[in-house]
Amino acid sequence: MCVALPEVADPDTSAPAHSPRNGTDAPAVVFTESDCTGDSFTLRPGGQASERLKVRSVLFG
């Protein structure tokens, strides 16, 4: 299920989120654009990315 991050979903009104953390016990795929589009990166369970990774949506398996 794709989840747009509501605070940053609209590129016309907000900057993307950064430093995503996966607090679940399953992999999460984060996307650079809303609606799970753009470049994607997989975060392992419990994983965290650096502040350089900018995201707007996430897909949970």
PDB file of N, CA and C in Angstrom:
ATOM      1  N   MET A   1       0.841  -1.169   0.000  1.00  0.00           N
ATOM      2  CA  MET A   1       0.000   0.000   0.000  1.00  0.00           C
ATOM      3  C   MET A   1       0.893   1.242   0.000  1.00  0.00           C
ATOM      4  N   CYS A   2       0.697   2.126  -0.964  1.00  0.00           N
ATOM      5  CA  CYS A   2       1.473   3.352  -1.071  1.00  0.00           C
ATOM      6  C   CYS A   2       0.906   4.402  -0.120  1.00  0.00           C
ATOM      7  N   VAL A   3       1.793   5.044   0.619  1.00  0.00           N
ATOM      8  CA  VAL A   3       1.392   6.101   1.545  1.00  0.00           C
ATOM      9  C   VAL A   3       2.136   7.373   1.174  1.00  0.00           C
ATOM     10  N   ALA A   4       1.385   8.395   0.779  1.00  0.00           N
ATOM     11  CA  ALA A   4       1.988   9.705   0.550  1.00  0.00           C
ATOM     12  C   ALA A   4       2.178  10.360   1.917  1.00  0.00           C
ATOM     13  N   LEU A   5       3.341  10.906   2.152  1.00  0.00           N
ATOM     14  CA  LEU A   5       3.598  11.583   3.418  1.00  0.00           C
ATOM     15  C   LEU A   5       2.874  12.925   3.365  1.00  0.00           C
ATOM     16  N   PRO A   6       1.794  13.086   4.131  1.00  0.00           N
ATOM     17  CA  PRO A   6       0.905  14.240   3.955  1.00  0.00           C
ATOM     18  C   PRO A   6       1.587  15.595   4.112  1.00  0.00           C
ATOM     19  N   GLU A   7       2.558  15.699   4.978  1.00  0.00           N
ATOM     20  CA  GLU A   7       3.213  16.981   5.211  1.00  0.00           C
ATOM     21  C   GLU A   7       4.080  17.421   4.042  1.00  0.00           C
ATOM     22  N   VAL A   8       4.485  16.466   3.196  1.00  0.00           N
ATOM     23  CA  VAL A   8       5.428  16.783   2.116  1.00  0.00           C
ATOM     24  C   VAL A   8       4.973  16.274   0.753  1.00  0.00           C
ATOM     25  N   ALA A   9       3.741  15.855   0.629  1.00  0.00           N
ATOM     26  CA  ALA A   9       3.261  15.238  -0.607  1.00  0.00           C
ATOM     27  C   ALA A   9       3.223  16.206  -1.786  1.00  0.00           C
ATOM     28  N   ASP A  10       2.969  17.465  -1.540  1.00  0.00           N
ATOM     29  CA  ASP A  10       2.819  18.441  -2.621  1.00  0.00           C
ATOM     30  C   ASP A  10       4.127  19.199  -2.850  1.00  0.00           C
ATOM     31  N   PRO A  11       4.812  18.935  -3.962  1.00  0.00           N
ATOM     32  CA  PRO A  11       6.088  19.616  -4.212  1.00  0.00           C
ATOM     33  C   PRO A  11       5.949  21.114  -4.430  1.00  0.00           C
ATOM     34  N   ASP A  12       4.733  21.594  -4.712  1.00  0.00           N
ATOM     35  CA  ASP A  12       4.530  23.032  -4.910  1.00  0.00           C
ATOM     36  C   ASP A  12       4.460  23.798  -3.592  1.00  0.00           C
ATOM     37  N   THR A  13       4.214  23.081  -2.478  1.00  0.00           N
ATOM     38  CA  THR A  13       4.044  23.779  -1.201  1.00  0.00           C
ATOM     39  C   THR A  13       4.993  23.319  -0.094  1.00  0.00           C
ATOM     40  N   SER A  14       5.823  22.303  -0.371  1.00  0.00           N
ATOM     41  CA  SER A  14       6.698  21.814   0.690  1.00  0.00           C
ATOM     42  C   SER A  14       7.966  21.196   0.127  1.00  0.00           C
ATOM     43  N   ALA A  15       8.985  21.181   0.944  1.00  0.00           N
ATOM     44  CA  ALA A  15      10.217  20.460   0.625  1.00  0.00           C
ATOM     45  C   ALA A  15      10.008  19.001   1.001  1.00  0.00           C
ATOM     46  N   PRO A  16      10.735  18.077   0.383  1.00  0.00           N
ATOM     47  CA  PRO A  16      10.568  16.669   0.741  1.00  0.00           C
ATOM     48  C   PRO A  16      11.089  16.374   2.147  1.00  0.00           C
ATOM     49  N   ALA A  17      10.633  15.265   2.683  1.00  0.00           N
ATOM     50  CA  ALA A  17      11.146  14.791   3.973  1.00  0.00           C
ATOM     51  C   ALA A  17      12.556  14.235   3.756  1.00  0.00           C
ATOM     52  N   HIS A  18      13.298  14.093   4.841  1.00  0.00           N
ATOM     53  CA  HIS A  18      14.648  13.532   4.744  1.00  0.00           C
ATOM     54  C   HIS A  18      14.911  12.614   5.926  1.00  0.00           C
ATOM     55  N   SER A  19      15.981  11.886   5.853  1.00  0.00           N
ATOM     56  CA  SER A  19      16.419  10.969   6.916  1.00  0.00           C
ATOM     57  C   SER A  19      15.350   9.952   7.291  1.00  0.00           C
ATOM     58  N   PRO A  20      14.771   9.242   6.307  1.00  0.00           N
ATOM     59  CA  PRO A  20      13.707   8.292   6.655  1.00  0.00           C
ATOM     60  C   PRO A  20      14.210   7.163   7.541  1.00  0.00           C
ATOM     61  N   ARG A  21      13.336   6.710   8.424  1.00  0.00           N
ATOM     62  CA  ARG A  21      13.600   5.561   9.301  1.00  0.00           C
ATOM     63  C   ARG A  21      12.509   4.532   9.090  1.00  0.00           C
ATOM     64  N   ASN A  22      12.871   3.288   9.109  1.00  0.00           N
ATOM     65  CA  ASN A  22      11.900   2.208   9.007  1.00  0.00           C
ATOM     66  C   ASN A  22      11.743   1.580  10.386  1.00  0.00           C
ATOM     67  N   GLY A  23      10.685   1.929  11.069  1.00  0.00           N
ATOM     68  CA  GLY A  23      10.427   1.401  12.404  1.00  0.00           C
ATOM     69  C   GLY A  23       9.589   0.136  12.396  1.00  0.00           C
ATOM     70  N   THR A  24       9.461  -0.501  11.236  1.00  0.00           N
ATOM     71  CA  THR A  24       8.663  -1.724  11.137  1.00  0.00           C
ATOM     72  C   THR A  24       9.574  -2.940  11.132  1.00  0.00           C
ATOM     73  N   ASP A  25       8.964  -4.118  11.101  1.00  0.00           N
ATOM     74  CA  ASP A  25       9.750  -5.355  11.029  1.00  0.00           C
ATOM     75  C   ASP A  25       9.776  -5.929   9.614  1.00  0.00           C
ATOM     76  N   ALA A  26       9.469  -5.100   8.618  1.00  0.00           N
ATOM     77  CA  ALA A  26       9.488  -5.500   7.211  1.00  0.00           C
ATOM     78  C   ALA A  26      10.184  -4.417   6.397  1.00  0.00           C
ATOM     79  N   PRO A  27      10.719  -4.770   5.232  1.00  0.00           N
ATOM     80  CA  PRO A  27      11.323  -3.739   4.387  1.00  0.00           C
ATOM     81  C   PRO A  27      10.300  -2.686   3.986  1.00  0.00           C
ATOM     82  N   ALA A  28      10.761  -1.455   3.807  1.00  0.00           N
ATOM     83  CA  ALA A  28       9.918  -0.362   3.330  1.00  0.00           C
ATOM     84  C   ALA A  28      10.639   0.269   2.137  1.00  0.00           C
ATOM     85  N   VAL A  29       9.892   0.578   1.098  1.00  0.00           N
ATOM     86  CA  VAL A  29      10.465   1.225  -0.079  1.00  0.00           C
ATOM     87  C   VAL A  29      10.032   2.680  -0.060  1.00  0.00           C
ATOM     88  N   VAL A  30      10.988   3.592  -0.028  1.00  0.00           N
ATOM     89  CA  VAL A  30      10.684   5.026  -0.035  1.00  0.00           C
ATOM     90  C   VAL A  30      10.915   5.569  -1.438  1.00  0.00           C
ATOM     91  N   PHE A  31      10.140   6.604  -1.782  1.00  0.00           N
ATOM     92  CA  PHE A  31      10.172   7.171  -3.122  1.00  0.00           C
ATOM     93  C   PHE A  31      10.419   8.668  -3.061  1.00  0.00           C
ATOM     94  N   THR A  32      11.073   9.173  -4.089  1.00  0.00           N
ATOM     95  CA  THR A  32      11.392  10.590  -4.135  1.00  0.00           C
ATOM     96  C   THR A  32      10.193  11.455  -4.502  1.00  0.00           C
ATOM     97  N   GLU A  33       9.136  10.855  -5.048  1.00  0.00           N
ATOM     98  CA  GLU A  33       7.945  11.605  -5.448  1.00  0.00           C
ATOM     99  C   GLU A  33       6.692  11.019  -4.794  1.00  0.00           C
ATOM    100  N   SER A  34       5.602  11.774  -4.837  1.00  0.00           N
ATOM    101  CA  SER A  34       4.316  11.293  -4.316  1.00  0.00           C
ATOM    102  C   SER A  34       3.814  10.132  -5.161  1.00  0.00           C
ATOM    103  N   ASP A  35       2.841   9.414  -4.648  1.00  0.00           N
ATOM    104  CA  ASP A  35       2.211   8.286  -5.358  1.00  0.00           C
ATOM    105  C   ASP A  35       3.190   7.174  -5.690  1.00  0.00           C
ATOM    106  N   CYS A  36       4.228   7.043  -4.879  1.00  0.00           N
ATOM    107  CA  CYS A  36       5.230   5.979  -5.051  1.00  0.00           C
ATOM    108  C   CYS A  36       5.808   5.977  -6.457  1.00  0.00           C
ATOM    109  N   THR A  37       6.237   7.177  -6.881  1.00  0.00           N
ATOM    110  CA  THR A  37       6.891   7.336  -8.176  1.00  0.00           C
ATOM    111  C   THR A  37       8.254   7.978  -7.956  1.00  0.00           C
ATOM    112  N   GLY A  38       9.014   8.081  -9.018  1.00  0.00           N
ATOM    113  CA  GLY A  38      10.363   8.631  -8.921  1.00  0.00           C
ATOM    114  C   GLY A  38      11.350   7.548  -8.516  1.00  0.00           C
ATOM    115  N   ASP A  39      12.519   7.963  -8.115  1.00  0.00           N
ATOM    116  CA  ASP A  39      13.539   7.011  -7.671  1.00  0.00           C
ATOM    117  C   ASP A  39      13.083   6.350  -6.379  1.00  0.00           C
ATOM    118  N   SER A  40      13.484   5.100  -6.194  1.00  0.00           N
ATOM    119  CA  SER A  40      13.090   4.364  -4.987  1.00  0.00           C
ATOM    120  C   SER A  40      14.314   3.773  -4.298  1.00  0.00           C
ATOM    121  N   PHE A  41      14.170   3.594  -3.001  1.00  0.00           N
ATOM    122  CA  PHE A  41      15.228   3.036  -2.172  1.00  0.00           C
ATOM    123  C   PHE A  41      14.579   2.151  -1.115  1.00  0.00           C
ATOM    124  N   THR A  42      15.162   0.985  -0.874  1.00  0.00           N
ATOM    125  CA  THR A  42      14.621   0.059   0.117  1.00  0.00           C
ATOM    126  C   THR A  42      15.338   0.250   1.443  1.00  0.00           C
ATOM    127  N   LEU A  43      14.541   0.402   2.499  1.00  0.00           N
ATOM    128  CA  LEU A  43      15.088   0.474   3.856  1.00  0.00           C
ATOM    129  C   LEU A  43      14.813  -0.844   4.559  1.00  0.00           C
ATOM    130  N   ARG A  44      15.824  -1.453   5.090  1.00  0.00           N
ATOM    131  CA  ARG A  44      15.653  -2.720   5.818  1.00  0.00           C
ATOM    132  C   ARG A  44      14.882  -2.461   7.108  1.00  0.00           C
ATOM    133  N   PRO A  45      14.318  -3.494   7.696  1.00  0.00           N
ATOM    134  CA  PRO A  45      13.629  -3.324   8.977  1.00  0.00           C
ATOM    135  C   PRO A  45      14.572  -2.687  10.004  1.00  0.00           C
ATOM    136  N   GLY A  46      14.103  -1.646  10.650  1.00  0.00           N
ATOM    137  CA  GLY A  46      14.917  -0.938  11.627  1.00  0.00           C
ATOM    138  C   GLY A  46      15.955  -0.013  11.018  1.00  0.00           C
ATOM    139  N   GLY A  47      15.994   0.072   9.694  1.00  0.00           N
ATOM    140  CA  GLY A  47      17.018   0.859   9.015  1.00  0.00           C
ATOM    141  C   GLY A  47      16.712   2.343   8.970  1.00  0.00           C
ATOM    142  N   GLN A  48      17.751   3.107   8.685  1.00  0.00           N
ATOM    143  CA  GLN A  48      17.628   4.557   8.568  1.00  0.00           C
ATOM    144  C   GLN A  48      18.560   5.020   7.459  1.00  0.00           C
ATOM    145  N   ALA A  49      18.122   6.036   6.705  1.00  0.00           N
ATOM    146  CA  ALA A  49      18.947   6.635   5.659  1.00  0.00           C
ATOM    147  C   ALA A  49      19.447   7.997   6.123  1.00  0.00           C
ATOM    148  N   SER A  50      20.411   8.509   5.413  1.00  0.00           N
ATOM    149  CA  SER A  50      20.981   9.809   5.781  1.00  0.00           C
ATOM    150  C   SER A  50      20.051  10.949   5.391  1.00  0.00           C
ATOM    151  N   GLU A  51      20.392  12.139   5.824  1.00  0.00           N
ATOM    152  CA  GLU A  51      19.570  13.308   5.502  1.00  0.00           C
ATOM    153  C   GLU A  51      19.651  13.664   4.025  1.00  0.00           C
ATOM    154  N   ARG A  52      20.576  13.075   3.304  1.00  0.00           N
ATOM    155  CA  ARG A  52      20.672  13.328   1.862  1.00  0.00           C
ATOM    156  C   ARG A  52      19.533  12.684   1.083  1.00  0.00           C
ATOM    157  N   LEU A  53      18.907  11.649   1.642  1.00  0.00           N
ATOM    158  CA  LEU A  53      17.795  10.985   0.961  1.00  0.00           C
ATOM    159  C   LEU A  53      16.515  11.772   1.207  1.00  0.00           C
ATOM    160  N   LYS A  54      15.951  12.306   0.145  1.00  0.00           N
ATOM    161  CA  LYS A  54      14.723  13.107   0.205  1.00  0.00           C
ATOM    162  C   LYS A  54      13.561  12.272  -0.311  1.00  0.00           C
ATOM    163  N   VAL A  55      12.463  12.204   0.434  1.00  0.00           N
ATOM    164  CA  VAL A  55      11.341  11.337   0.070  1.00  0.00           C
ATOM    165  C   VAL A  55       9.999  12.039   0.221  1.00  0.00           C
ATOM    166  N   ARG A  56       9.001  11.514  -0.517  1.00  0.00           N
ATOM    167  CA  ARG A  56       7.628  12.045  -0.434  1.00  0.00           C
ATOM    168  C   ARG A  56       6.586  10.951  -0.234  1.00  0.00           C
ATOM    169  N   SER A  57       6.973   9.679  -0.424  1.00  0.00           N
ATOM    170  CA  SER A  57       6.009   8.596  -0.229  1.00  0.00           C
ATOM    171  C   SER A  57       6.741   7.310   0.133  1.00  0.00           C
ATOM    172  N   VAL A  58       5.974   6.336   0.637  1.00  0.00           N
ATOM    173  CA  VAL A  58       6.550   5.061   1.069  1.00  0.00           C
ATOM    174  C   VAL A  58       5.595   3.925   0.733  1.00  0.00           C
ATOM    175  N   LEU A  59       6.170   2.784   0.426  1.00  0.00           N
ATOM    176  CA  LEU A  59       5.389   1.584   0.116  1.00  0.00           C
ATOM    177  C   LEU A  59       5.734   0.522   1.148  1.00  0.00           C
ATOM    178  N   PHE A  60       4.702   0.049   1.837  1.00  0.00           N
ATOM    179  CA  PHE A  60       4.874  -1.033   2.810  1.00  0.00           C
ATOM    180  C   PHE A  60       4.362  -2.316   2.182  1.00  0.00           C
ATOM    181  N   GLY A  61       5.168  -3.381   2.283  1.00  0.00           N
ATOM    182  CA  GLY A  61       4.888  -4.661   1.671  1.00  0.00           C
ATOM    183  C   GLY A  61       3.622  -5.266   2.063  1.00  0.00           C
TER     184      GLY A  61
END
